[in-house]
Amino acid sequence: MAPTPARNSRTRVHVVSDVHGNARDLARAGTGADALICLGDLVLFLDYADHSRGIFPDLFGVENADRIVELRTARRFEEAREFGARLWAGIDADRGAAIEKAVRKQYAELFAAFPTPTYATYGNVDMPLLWPEYAGPGTTVLDGQRVEIGGRTFGFVGGGLRTPMRTPYEISDEEYAAKIEAVGEVDVLCTHIPPEVPELVYDTVARRFERGSKALLAAIRRTRPRYSLFGHVHQPLAPRMRIGATECVNVGHFAASGTPWALEW
């Protein structure tokens, strides 16, 4: 792993989130930076902008992808689950094995695109148990942990909170709060999901509130980090706002933009 830049030099870090299969842009996301930070959601299960992309349409076709997006967007989650169950019933392969095979294929390409050094945490659609197999020596995976970059302390908390969508890495509010507590006071708090603030959790295209963390919001108010960086909400009502001394920033939907957010000091 490349050495951490010295304290007396300028440090530039690029931050991405919600990569969702965009390996091409990920391969150059660290250009010009001393380090890359990835806030999760590497996997592309279903592209809501292009229903032909992702694991779901590969298995079931675009017409069925159109239908499940329609149901989920209308918040008809029970109907979406029943529809998905009928589709899976028509597949000979074991559901878990089929998904894992597809995820492994994506992870092999995405982790190979990470520059050195990369600091990464999980998103709610990721499968943490697979990450050790694909994270090379230049990639440090952190969850409920801290690391120093260029003289500043960065804390990382991955995953999402439980929702009707039942994505792979959703945990309880209590487990998430415990990881926030384990990180403690840091200069930059890096999470996949935002703090529970209406302007930060509302998606203007999906027209729904995503889940944010009350524990994260409380930690921001209590520990006053310089920055709170996150993703998860693809089209937020407010991409950034200040909470006390902390600049809260949604670093952007990297799958769509292909552009990292930059932090320099």
C-alpha atoms as a PDB file:
ATOM      1  CA  MET A   1       0.000   0.000   0.000  1.00  0.00           C
ATOM      2  CA  ALA A   2       1.246   3.473  -0.830  1.00  0.00           C
ATOM      3  CA  PRO A   3       2.390   5.518   2.193  1.00  0.00           C
ATOM      4  CA  THR A   4       0.018   8.017   3.744  1.00  0.00           C
ATOM      5  CA  PRO A   5       0.962  11.565   2.642  1.00  0.00           C
ATOM      6  CA  ALA A   6       3.032  13.538   5.146  1.00  0.00           C
ATOM      7  CA  ARG A   7       1.346  16.133   7.363  1.00  0.00           C
ATOM      8  CA  ASN A   8       3.215  19.056   5.815  1.00  0.00           C
ATOM      9  CA  SER A   9       2.062  18.274   2.258  1.00  0.00           C
ATOM     10  CA  ARG A  10      -1.246  18.952   0.574  1.00  0.00           C
ATOM     11  CA  THR A  11      -3.561  15.948   0.624  1.00  0.00           C
ATOM     12  CA  ARG A  12      -6.313  15.251  -1.896  1.00  0.00           C
ATOM     13  CA  VAL A  13      -8.851  12.474  -1.443  1.00  0.00           C
ATOM     14  CA  HIS A  14     -11.500  11.425  -3.946  1.00  0.00           C
ATOM     15  CA  VAL A  15     -14.747   9.956  -2.603  1.00  0.00           C
ATOM     16  CA  VAL A  16     -17.315   7.819  -4.450  1.00  0.00           C
ATOM     17  CA  SER A  17     -20.508   6.047  -3.468  1.00  0.00           C
ATOM     18  CA  ASP A  18     -23.191   4.010  -5.217  1.00  0.00           C
ATOM     19  CA  VAL A  19     -20.855   2.681  -7.890  1.00  0.00           C
ATOM     20  CA  HIS A  20     -23.422   0.097  -9.033  1.00  0.00           C
ATOM     21  CA  GLY A  21     -21.274  -1.639 -11.601  1.00  0.00           C
ATOM     22  CA  ASN A  22     -19.515   1.397 -13.095  1.00  0.00           C
ATOM     23  CA  ALA A  23     -16.058  -0.207 -13.272  1.00  0.00           C
ATOM     24  CA  ARG A  24     -14.950   1.911 -16.248  1.00  0.00           C
ATOM     25  CA  ASP A  25     -15.131   5.223 -14.379  1.00  0.00           C
ATOM     26  CA  LEU A  26     -14.036   3.639 -11.109  1.00  0.00           C
ATOM     27  CA  ALA A  27     -10.690   2.718 -12.702  1.00  0.00           C
ATOM     28  CA  ARG A  28      -9.842   6.409 -13.114  1.00  0.00           C
ATOM     29  CA  ALA A  29     -11.642   7.776 -10.040  1.00  0.00           C
ATOM     30  CA  GLY A  30      -8.394   8.027  -8.092  1.00  0.00           C
ATOM     31  CA  THR A  31      -6.481   9.965 -10.738  1.00  0.00           C
ATOM     32  CA  GLY A  32      -4.809  13.016  -9.174  1.00  0.00           C
ATOM     33  CA  ALA A  33      -5.664  11.952  -5.620  1.00  0.00           C
ATOM     34  CA  ASP A  34      -3.557  10.594  -2.775  1.00  0.00           C
ATOM     35  CA  ALA A  35      -6.298   8.103  -1.883  1.00  0.00           C
ATOM     36  CA  LEU A  36      -9.746   6.911  -2.962  1.00  0.00           C
ATOM     37  CA  ILE A  37     -12.610   6.404  -0.525  1.00  0.00           C
ATOM     38  CA  CYS A  38     -15.563   4.232  -1.543  1.00  0.00           C
ATOM     39  CA  LEU A  39     -18.760   4.376   0.496  1.00  0.00           C
ATOM     40  CA  GLY A  40     -20.296   1.218  -0.893  1.00  0.00           C
ATOM     41  CA  ASP A  41     -23.013  -0.162  -3.134  1.00  0.00           C
ATOM     42  CA  LEU A  42     -20.689  -1.709  -5.667  1.00  0.00           C
ATOM     43  CA  VAL A  43     -23.257  -4.218  -6.885  1.00  0.00           C
ATOM     44  CA  LEU A  44     -25.720  -3.451  -9.671  1.00  0.00           C
ATOM     45  CA  PHE A  45     -28.804  -5.562  -9.091  1.00  0.00           C
ATOM     46  CA  LEU A  46     -31.164  -3.404 -11.154  1.00  0.00           C
ATOM     47  CA  ASP A  47     -30.587  -0.048 -12.840  1.00  0.00           C
ATOM     48  CA  TYR A  48     -33.715   2.044 -12.297  1.00  0.00           C
ATOM     49  CA  ALA A  49     -32.699   4.368 -15.146  1.00  0.00           C
ATOM     50  CA  ASP A  50     -31.854   1.590 -17.616  1.00  0.00           C
ATOM     51  CA  HIS A  51     -33.812  -1.553 -16.844  1.00  0.00           C
ATOM     52  CA  SER A  52     -31.659  -3.635 -19.188  1.00  0.00           C
ATOM     53  CA  ARG A  53     -28.644  -3.415 -16.841  1.00  0.00           C
ATOM     54  CA  GLY A  54     -28.003  -5.507 -13.761  1.00  0.00           C
ATOM     55  CA  ILE A  55     -28.385  -8.962 -12.262  1.00  0.00           C
ATOM     56  CA  PHE A  56     -32.190  -8.930 -12.331  1.00  0.00           C
ATOM     57  CA  PRO A  57     -32.674  -8.322 -16.090  1.00  0.00           C
ATOM     58  CA  ASP A  58     -29.831 -10.736 -16.871  1.00  0.00           C
ATOM     59  CA  LEU A  59     -31.810 -13.460 -15.112  1.00  0.00           C
ATOM     60  CA  PHE A  60     -35.413 -12.509 -15.922  1.00  0.00           C
ATOM     61  CA  GLY A  61     -35.427 -10.132 -18.892  1.00  0.00           C
ATOM     62  CA  VAL A  62     -36.174  -6.448 -19.354  1.00  0.00           C
ATOM     63  CA  GLU A  63     -39.993  -6.718 -19.357  1.00  0.00           C
ATOM     64  CA  ASN A  64     -39.958  -8.276 -15.903  1.00  0.00           C
ATOM     65  CA  ALA A  65     -37.454  -5.639 -14.772  1.00  0.00           C
ATOM     66  CA  ASP A  66     -39.859  -2.949 -16.014  1.00  0.00           C
ATOM     67  CA  ARG A  67     -42.638  -4.489 -13.964  1.00  0.00           C
ATOM     68  CA  ILE A  68     -40.735  -4.815 -10.689  1.00  0.00           C
ATOM     69  CA  VAL A  69     -39.473  -1.233 -10.962  1.00  0.00           C
ATOM     70  CA  GLU A  70     -43.068  -0.092 -11.510  1.00  0.00           C
ATOM     71  CA  LEU A  71     -44.226  -1.927  -8.372  1.00  0.00           C
ATOM     72  CA  ARG A  72     -41.357  -0.739  -6.182  1.00  0.00           C
ATOM     73  CA  THR A  73     -41.651   2.862  -7.340  1.00  0.00           C
ATOM     74  CA  ALA A  74     -45.332   2.752  -6.406  1.00  0.00           C
ATOM     75  CA  ARG A  75     -44.244   1.387  -2.997  1.00  0.00           C
ATOM     76  CA  ARG A  76     -46.218  -1.792  -3.615  1.00  0.00           C
ATOM     77  CA  PHE A  77     -43.492  -3.806  -1.941  1.00  0.00           C
ATOM     78  CA  GLU A  78     -45.571  -6.869  -1.070  1.00  0.00           C
ATOM     79  CA  GLU A  79     -46.718  -7.209  -4.690  1.00  0.00           C
ATOM     80  CA  ALA A  80     -43.118  -6.779  -5.821  1.00  0.00           C
ATOM     81  CA  ARG A  81     -41.995  -9.580  -3.487  1.00  0.00           C
ATOM     82  CA  GLU A  82     -44.759 -11.887  -4.711  1.00  0.00           C
ATOM     83  CA  PHE A  83     -43.902 -11.081  -8.330  1.00  0.00           C
ATOM     84  CA  GLY A  84     -40.215 -11.775  -7.682  1.00  0.00           C
ATOM     85  CA  ALA A  85     -41.054 -15.054  -5.912  1.00  0.00           C
ATOM     86  CA  ARG A  86     -43.004 -16.241  -8.977  1.00  0.00           C
ATOM     87  CA  LEU A  87     -40.060 -15.427 -11.225  1.00  0.00           C
ATOM     88  CA  TRP A  88     -37.622 -17.274  -8.988  1.00  0.00           C
ATOM     89  CA  ALA A  89     -39.940 -20.284  -8.887  1.00  0.00           C
ATOM     90  CA  GLY A  90     -39.369 -20.630 -12.627  1.00  0.00           C
ATOM     91  CA  ILE A  91     -35.570 -20.706 -12.259  1.00  0.00           C
ATOM     92  CA  ASP A  92     -33.937 -24.115 -11.860  1.00  0.00           C
ATOM     93  CA  ALA A  93     -30.853 -22.758 -10.096  1.00  0.00           C
ATOM     94  CA  ASP A  94     -30.831 -22.027  -6.372  1.00  0.00           C
ATOM     95  CA  ARG A  95     -31.651 -18.329  -5.835  1.00  0.00           C
ATOM     96  CA  GLY A  96     -28.791 -17.629  -3.445  1.00  0.00           C
ATOM     97  CA  ALA A  97     -26.264 -19.426  -5.633  1.00  0.00           C
ATOM     98  CA  ALA A  98     -27.406 -17.597  -8.764  1.00  0.00           C
ATOM     99  CA  ILE A  99     -27.158 -14.174  -7.088  1.00  0.00           C
ATOM    100  CA  GLU A 100     -23.790 -14.954  -5.523  1.00  0.00           C
ATOM    101  CA  LYS A 101     -22.369 -16.060  -8.858  1.00  0.00           C
ATOM    102  CA  ALA A 102     -23.492 -12.818 -10.502  1.00  0.00           C
ATOM    103  CA  VAL A 103     -22.198 -10.693  -7.603  1.00  0.00           C
ATOM    104  CA  ARG A 104     -18.834 -12.443  -7.701  1.00  0.00           C
ATOM    105  CA  LYS A 105     -18.498 -11.601 -11.385  1.00  0.00           C
ATOM    106  CA  GLN A 106     -19.147  -7.908 -10.636  1.00  0.00           C
ATOM    107  CA  TYR A 107     -16.849  -7.841  -7.608  1.00  0.00           C
ATOM    108  CA  ALA A 108     -13.958  -9.339  -9.571  1.00  0.00           C
ATOM    109  CA  GLU A 109     -14.155  -6.468 -12.055  1.00  0.00           C
ATOM    110  CA  LEU A 110     -14.855  -3.690  -9.550  1.00  0.00           C
ATOM    111  CA  PHE A 111     -12.218  -4.520  -6.955  1.00  0.00           C
ATOM    112  CA  ALA A 112      -9.649  -4.856  -9.732  1.00  0.00           C
ATOM    113  CA  ALA A 113     -10.476  -1.244 -10.707  1.00  0.00           C
ATOM    114  CA  PHE A 114      -9.670   0.191  -7.252  1.00  0.00           C
ATOM    115  CA  PRO A 115      -6.446   2.237  -7.162  1.00  0.00           C
ATOM    116  CA  THR A 116      -3.893   2.029  -4.345  1.00  0.00           C
ATOM    117  CA  PRO A 117      -4.647   3.096  -1.693  1.00  0.00           C
ATOM    118  CA  THR A 118      -8.417   2.674  -1.455  1.00  0.00           C
ATOM    119  CA  TYR A 119     -10.411   2.808   1.785  1.00  0.00           C
ATOM    120  CA  ALA A 120     -13.835   1.203   1.427  1.00  0.00           C
ATOM    121  CA  THR A 121     -16.941   0.362   3.399  1.00  0.00           C
ATOM    122  CA  TYR A 122     -20.089  -1.566   2.525  1.00  0.00           C
ATOM    123  CA  GLY A 123     -23.351  -0.298   1.080  1.00  0.00           C
ATOM    124  CA  ASN A 124     -26.748  -1.823   1.759  1.00  0.00           C
ATOM    125  CA  VAL A 125     -26.737  -3.837  -1.493  1.00  0.00           C
ATOM    126  CA  ASP A 126     -23.266  -5.284  -0.892  1.00  0.00           C
ATOM    127  CA  MET A 127     -22.344  -8.749   0.402  1.00  0.00           C
ATOM    128  CA  PRO A 128     -19.643  -8.192   3.060  1.00  0.00           C
ATOM    129  CA  LEU A 129     -18.743 -11.875   3.407  1.00  0.00           C
ATOM    130  CA  LEU A 130     -17.370 -11.867  -0.146  1.00  0.00           C
ATOM    131  CA  TRP A 131     -15.205  -8.751   0.165  1.00  0.00           C
ATOM    132  CA  PRO A 132     -12.122 -10.418   1.715  1.00  0.00           C
ATOM    133  CA  GLU A 133     -11.818 -12.614  -1.375  1.00  0.00           C
ATOM    134  CA  TYR A 134     -11.597  -9.634  -3.743  1.00  0.00           C
ATOM    135  CA  ALA A 135      -9.995  -6.799  -1.762  1.00  0.00           C
ATOM    136  CA  GLY A 136      -6.328  -6.672  -2.777  1.00  0.00           C
ATOM    137  CA  PRO A 137      -3.435  -5.440  -0.618  1.00  0.00           C
ATOM    138  CA  GLY A 138      -4.059  -1.848  -1.751  1.00  0.00           C
ATOM    139  CA  THR A 139      -7.658  -1.840  -0.476  1.00  0.00           C
ATOM    140  CA  THR A 140      -8.478  -1.387   3.206  1.00  0.00           C
ATOM    141  CA  VAL A 141     -12.011  -2.392   4.219  1.00  0.00           C
ATOM    142  CA  LEU A 142     -13.357  -0.585   7.291  1.00  0.00           C
ATOM    143  CA  ASP A 143     -16.654  -0.846   9.172  1.00  0.00           C
ATOM    144  CA  GLY A 144     -16.967   0.670  12.629  1.00  0.00           C
ATOM    145  CA  GLN A 145     -13.274   1.535  12.376  1.00  0.00           C
ATOM    146  CA  ARG A 146     -10.915   4.514  11.930  1.00  0.00           C
ATOM    147  CA  VAL A 147      -7.875   5.306   9.801  1.00  0.00           C
ATOM    148  CA  GLU A 148      -5.553   8.292   9.448  1.00  0.00           C
ATOM    149  CA  ILE A 149      -5.124   9.876   6.017  1.00  0.00           C
ATOM    150  CA  GLY A 150      -2.885  12.906   5.615  1.00  0.00           C
ATOM    151  CA  GLY A 151      -2.995  13.740   9.299  1.00  0.00           C
ATOM    152  CA  ARG A 152      -6.797  13.600   9.592  1.00  0.00           C
ATOM    153  CA  THR A 153      -8.801  10.820  11.217  1.00  0.00           C
ATOM    154  CA  PHE A 154     -11.494   9.175   9.091  1.00  0.00           C
ATOM    155  CA  GLY A 155     -14.187   6.940  10.573  1.00  0.00           C
ATOM    156  CA  PHE A 156     -16.163   4.422   8.511  1.00  0.00           C
ATOM    157  CA  VAL A 157     -19.563   2.832   9.085  1.00  0.00           C
ATOM    158  CA  GLY A 158     -21.065   0.671   6.347  1.00  0.00           C
ATOM    159  CA  GLY A 159     -24.427  -0.843   5.520  1.00  0.00           C
ATOM    160  CA  GLY A 160     -27.993   0.403   5.684  1.00  0.00           C
ATOM    161  CA  LEU A 161     -30.940   0.152   8.059  1.00  0.00           C
ATOM    162  CA  ARG A 162     -33.803  -2.297   7.658  1.00  0.00           C
ATOM    163  CA  THR A 163     -36.436  -1.458   5.030  1.00  0.00           C
ATOM    164  CA  PRO A 164     -39.248  -3.226   3.143  1.00  0.00           C
ATOM    165  CA  MET A 165     -36.778  -3.603   0.240  1.00  0.00           C
ATOM    166  CA  ARG A 166     -34.794  -6.169   2.267  1.00  0.00           C
ATOM    167  CA  THR A 167     -31.478  -5.494   0.546  1.00  0.00           C
ATOM    168  CA  PRO A 168     -28.518  -7.753   1.462  1.00  0.00           C
ATOM    169  CA  TYR A 169     -26.737  -5.659   4.099  1.00  0.00           C
ATOM    170  CA  GLU A 170     -29.435  -4.066   6.225  1.00  0.00           C
ATOM    171  CA  ILE A 171     -28.888  -4.134   9.983  1.00  0.00           C
ATOM    172  CA  SER A 172     -30.825  -3.081  13.061  1.00  0.00           C
ATOM    173  CA  ASP A 173     -30.774   0.479  14.373  1.00  0.00           C
ATOM    174  CA  GLU A 174     -29.051  -0.796  17.517  1.00  0.00           C
ATOM    175  CA  GLU A 175     -26.248  -2.541  15.621  1.00  0.00           C
ATOM    176  CA  TYR A 176     -25.711   0.524  13.453  1.00  0.00           C
ATOM    177  CA  ALA A 177     -25.618   2.817  16.496  1.00  0.00           C
ATOM    178  CA  ALA A 178     -23.015   0.572  18.109  1.00  0.00           C
ATOM    179  CA  LYS A 179     -20.737   0.960  15.079  1.00  0.00           C
ATOM    180  CA  ILE A 180     -21.162   4.742  15.155  1.00  0.00           C
ATOM    181  CA  GLU A 181     -20.231   4.674  18.844  1.00  0.00           C
ATOM    182  CA  ALA A 182     -17.165   2.509  18.126  1.00  0.00           C
ATOM    183  CA  VAL A 183     -15.841   5.062  15.641  1.00  0.00           C
ATOM    184  CA  GLY A 184     -15.976   7.887  18.196  1.00  0.00           C
ATOM    185  CA  GLU A 185     -14.629  11.369  17.475  1.00  0.00           C
ATOM    186  CA  VAL A 186     -13.104  11.793  14.017  1.00  0.00           C
ATOM    187  CA  ASP A 187     -12.334  14.585  11.571  1.00  0.00           C
ATOM    188  CA  VAL A 188     -14.308  12.988   8.727  1.00  0.00           C
ATOM    189  CA  LEU A 189     -17.192  10.586   9.301  1.00  0.00           C
ATOM    190  CA  CYS A 190     -17.747   8.325   6.266  1.00  0.00           C
ATOM    191  CA  THR A 191     -20.978   6.318   6.001  1.00  0.00           C
ATOM    192  CA  HIS A 192     -23.096   4.809   3.264  1.00  0.00           C
ATOM    193  CA  ILE A 193     -26.388   6.246   4.475  1.00  0.00           C
ATOM    194  CA  PRO A 194     -27.028   9.885   5.463  1.00  0.00           C
ATOM    195  CA  PRO A 195     -28.015  11.277   8.844  1.00  0.00           C
ATOM    196  CA  GLU A 196     -31.777  11.321   9.438  1.00  0.00           C
ATOM    197  CA  VAL A 197     -32.559  14.780   8.061  1.00  0.00           C
ATOM    198  CA  PRO A 198     -35.544  15.135   5.663  1.00  0.00           C
ATOM    199  CA  GLU A 199     -33.653  17.182   3.070  1.00  0.00           C
ATOM    200  CA  LEU A 200     -30.828  14.628   2.961  1.00  0.00           C
ATOM    201  CA  VAL A 201     -32.910  11.429   2.844  1.00  0.00           C
ATOM    202  CA  TYR A 202     -35.614  12.445   0.341  1.00  0.00           C
ATOM    203  CA  ASP A 203     -35.071  11.197  -3.227  1.00  0.00           C
ATOM    204  CA  THR A 204     -36.678  13.663  -5.643  1.00  0.00           C
ATOM    205  CA  VAL A 205     -36.921  11.179  -8.534  1.00  0.00           C
ATOM    206  CA  ALA A 206     -38.090   8.101  -6.616  1.00  0.00           C
ATOM    207  CA  ARG A 207     -40.338  10.488  -4.612  1.00  0.00           C
ATOM    208  CA  ARG A 208     -39.742   8.756  -1.325  1.00  0.00           C
ATOM    209  CA  PHE A 209     -37.790   9.107   1.883  1.00  0.00           C
ATOM    210  CA  GLU A 210     -34.894   6.686   2.164  1.00  0.00           C
ATOM    211  CA  ARG A 211     -33.725   5.545   5.574  1.00  0.00           C
ATOM    212  CA  GLY A 212     -31.193   7.721   7.334  1.00  0.00           C
ATOM    213  CA  SER A 213     -29.644   7.217  10.739  1.00  0.00           C
ATOM    214  CA  LYS A 214     -30.725   9.038  13.891  1.00  0.00           C
ATOM    215  CA  ALA A 215     -27.632   7.693  15.650  1.00  0.00           C
ATOM    216  CA  LEU A 216     -25.447   9.247  12.965  1.00  0.00           C
ATOM    217  CA  LEU A 217     -27.225  12.580  13.315  1.00  0.00           C
ATOM    218  CA  ALA A 218     -26.757  12.479  17.087  1.00  0.00           C
ATOM    219  CA  ALA A 219     -23.055  11.680  16.676  1.00  0.00           C
ATOM    220  CA  ILE A 220     -22.601  14.594  14.284  1.00  0.00           C
ATOM    221  CA  ARG A 221     -24.163  16.968  16.794  1.00  0.00           C
ATOM    222  CA  ARG A 222     -22.183  15.502  19.682  1.00  0.00           C
ATOM    223  CA  THR A 223     -18.699  14.995  18.173  1.00  0.00           C
ATOM    224  CA  ARG A 224     -18.752  17.790  15.541  1.00  0.00           C
ATOM    225  CA  PRO A 225     -16.603  16.248  12.767  1.00  0.00           C
ATOM    226  CA  ARG A 226     -15.384  18.563  10.012  1.00  0.00           C
ATOM    227  CA  TYR A 227     -17.282  16.513   7.412  1.00  0.00           C
ATOM    228  CA  SER A 228     -19.962  13.865   7.244  1.00  0.00           C
ATOM    229  CA  LEU A 229     -19.706  12.113   3.863  1.00  0.00           C
ATOM    230  CA  PHE A 230     -22.292   9.644   2.547  1.00  0.00           C
ATOM    231  CA  GLY A 231     -24.241   8.469  -0.507  1.00  0.00           C
ATOM    232  CA  HIS A 232     -27.249   6.101  -0.764  1.00  0.00           C
ATOM    233  CA  VAL A 233     -29.809   8.723  -1.864  1.00  0.00           C
ATOM    234  CA  HIS A 234     -29.272   9.023  -5.608  1.00  0.00           C
ATOM    235  CA  GLN A 235     -31.176  12.283  -6.241  1.00  0.00           C
ATOM    236  CA  PRO A 236     -31.300  14.063  -2.869  1.00  0.00           C
ATOM    237  CA  LEU A 237     -33.411  17.132  -2.233  1.00  0.00           C
ATOM    238  CA  ALA A 238     -30.303  18.718  -0.692  1.00  0.00           C
ATOM    239  CA  PRO A 239     -26.902  17.386  -1.812  1.00  0.00           C
ATOM    240  CA  ARG A 240     -25.212  19.111   1.130  1.00  0.00           C
ATOM    241  CA  MET A 241     -26.041  21.103   4.233  1.00  0.00           C
ATOM    242  CA  ARG A 242     -24.406  22.258   7.433  1.00  0.00           C
ATOM    243  CA  ILE A 243     -25.289  20.783  10.808  1.00  0.00           C
ATOM    244  CA  GLY A 244     -23.567  22.892  13.427  1.00  0.00           C
ATOM    245  CA  ALA A 245     -19.833  22.740  12.722  1.00  0.00           C
ATOM    246  CA  THR A 246     -20.173  19.819  10.298  1.00  0.00           C
ATOM    247  CA  GLU A 247     -20.456  20.006   6.509  1.00  0.00           C
ATOM    248  CA  CYS A 248     -22.723  17.118   5.466  1.00  0.00           C
ATOM    249  CA  VAL A 249     -22.154  16.060   1.859  1.00  0.00           C
ATOM    250  CA  ASN A 250     -23.839  13.510  -0.386  1.00  0.00           C
ATOM    251  CA  VAL A 251     -20.826  12.660  -2.566  1.00  0.00           C
ATOM    252  CA  GLY A 252     -23.047  11.772  -5.515  1.00  0.00           C
ATOM    253  CA  HIS A 253     -24.451   8.855  -7.490  1.00  0.00           C
ATOM    254  CA  PHE A 254     -21.202   7.634  -9.051  1.00  0.00           C
ATOM    255  CA  ALA A 255     -22.903   5.086 -11.309  1.00  0.00           C
ATOM    256  CA  ALA A 256     -24.562   7.964 -13.165  1.00  0.00           C
ATOM    257  CA  SER A 257     -21.993  10.749 -12.860  1.00  0.00           C
ATOM    258  CA  GLY A 258     -18.719   8.839 -13.106  1.00  0.00           C
ATOM    259  CA  THR A 259     -17.166  11.737 -11.180  1.00  0.00           C
ATOM    260  CA  PRO A 260     -15.732  11.488  -7.647  1.00  0.00           C
ATOM    261  CA  TRP A 261     -16.214  14.156  -5.000  1.00  0.00           C
ATOM    262  CA  ALA A 262     -12.901  15.756  -3.975  1.00  0.00           C
ATOM    263  CA  LEU A 263     -11.681  16.776  -0.530  1.00  0.00           C
ATOM    264  CA  GLU A 264      -8.386  18.647  -0.210  1.00  0.00           C
ATOM    265  CA  TRP A 265      -6.493  20.069   2.751  1.00  0.00           C
END
